[in-house]
């Protein structure tokens, strides 16, 4: 997870899903699940730019667990020192 503070009216999010996750269908499915999770937690986020990365294990987790992990990582990102 990476974060760059900014003054945009809403948080901007980019997704990095590597080929190690699987074929294009699996990567795109995971990217869609990540987008849905981020959409649910977006009102809680600080404005800025986020980079969400996902590895092989993200395919196997339930949506609720994925949403909780995304929420935890994205709300903690602005609090990391030096950012």
Protein backbone atom coordinates (compact mmCIF):
# COMPACT_ATOMS: atom_id res chain seq x y z
CA UNK A 1 0.00 0.00 0.00
CA UNK A 2 1.34 3.39 -0.94
CA UNK A 3 -0.17 6.80 -0.21
CA UNK A 4 0.59 10.31 -1.43
CA UNK A 5 -1.36 13.11 0.20
CA UNK A 6 -3.16 15.52 -2.05
CA UNK A 7 -5.87 18.09 -2.39
CA UNK A 8 -8.16 16.28 -4.82
CA UNK A 9 -11.84 16.30 -3.84
CA UNK A 10 -11.88 12.50 -3.56
CA UNK A 11 -9.25 9.82 -3.05
CA UNK A 12 -7.68 8.43 -6.24
CA UNK A 13 -6.86 4.72 -6.28
CA UNK A 14 -4.69 2.62 -8.60
CA UNK A 15 -4.46 -1.17 -8.49
CA UNK A 16 -1.41 -3.40 -9.02
CA UNK A 17 -2.23 -7.07 -9.51
CA UNK A 18 0.73 -9.16 -10.64
CA UNK A 19 0.73 -12.06 -13.07
CA UNK A 20 1.60 -14.33 -10.16
CA UNK A 21 -2.06 -14.04 -9.13
CA UNK A 22 -3.13 -16.06 -12.17
CA UNK A 23 -4.35 -15.62 -15.71
CA UNK A 24 -6.03 -12.46 -16.99
CA UNK A 25 -9.50 -13.61 -15.92
CA UNK A 26 -8.37 -14.18 -12.32
CA UNK A 27 -6.42 -10.90 -12.20
CA UNK A 28 -9.38 -8.91 -13.54
CA UNK A 29 -11.78 -10.62 -11.12
CA UNK A 30 -9.51 -9.68 -8.22
CA UNK A 31 -9.21 -6.12 -9.52
CA UNK A 32 -13.02 -5.85 -9.65
CA UNK A 33 -13.29 -7.20 -6.09
CA UNK A 34 -10.70 -4.65 -4.92
CA UNK A 35 -12.58 -1.82 -6.64
CA UNK A 36 -15.81 -2.88 -4.94
CA UNK A 37 -14.09 -3.05 -1.53
CA UNK A 38 -12.52 0.38 -2.02
CA UNK A 39 -15.87 1.85 -3.08
CA UNK A 40 -17.37 0.73 0.23
CA UNK A 41 -14.59 2.25 2.35
CA UNK A 42 -13.97 5.38 0.23
CA UNK A 43 -15.99 7.72 2.51
CA UNK A 44 -13.56 6.90 5.36
CA UNK A 45 -10.41 7.71 3.36
CA UNK A 46 -8.21 10.79 3.40
CA UNK A 47 -7.88 12.58 0.07
CA UNK A 48 -4.80 11.67 -1.88
CA UNK A 49 -3.50 8.96 -4.18
CA UNK A 50 -3.41 5.32 -3.12
CA UNK A 51 -1.72 2.34 -4.76
CA UNK A 52 -3.32 -0.97 -3.78
CA UNK A 53 -1.26 -4.08 -4.45
CA UNK A 54 -2.57 -7.62 -4.25
CA UNK A 55 -0.75 -10.91 -4.33
CA UNK A 56 -1.64 -14.53 -4.91
CA UNK A 57 -3.34 -15.02 -1.53
CA UNK A 58 -5.92 -12.31 -2.16
CA UNK A 59 -7.81 -14.56 -4.59
CA UNK A 60 -8.70 -17.05 -1.84
CA UNK A 61 -10.08 -14.68 0.81
CA UNK A 62 -13.76 -13.90 1.21
CA UNK A 63 -15.05 -10.50 0.16
CA UNK A 64 -15.71 -9.48 3.78
CA UNK A 65 -12.14 -10.30 4.75
CA UNK A 66 -10.79 -8.52 1.68
CA UNK A 67 -12.88 -5.44 2.51
CA UNK A 68 -11.63 -5.47 6.12
CA UNK A 69 -8.00 -5.77 5.00
CA UNK A 70 -8.42 -2.97 2.45
CA UNK A 71 -10.06 -0.75 5.08
CA UNK A 72 -7.28 -1.40 7.61
CA UNK A 73 -4.48 -0.76 5.12
CA UNK A 74 -6.02 2.32 3.51
CA UNK A 75 -6.99 4.06 6.73
CA UNK A 76 -3.52 3.43 8.19
CA UNK A 77 -1.64 4.60 5.07
CA UNK A 78 -1.90 8.39 5.70
CA UNK A 79 -0.54 7.86 9.23
CA UNK A 80 2.73 6.31 8.07
CA UNK A 81 5.63 8.64 8.85
CA UNK A 82 7.36 10.33 5.96
CA UNK A 83 4.38 10.35 3.64
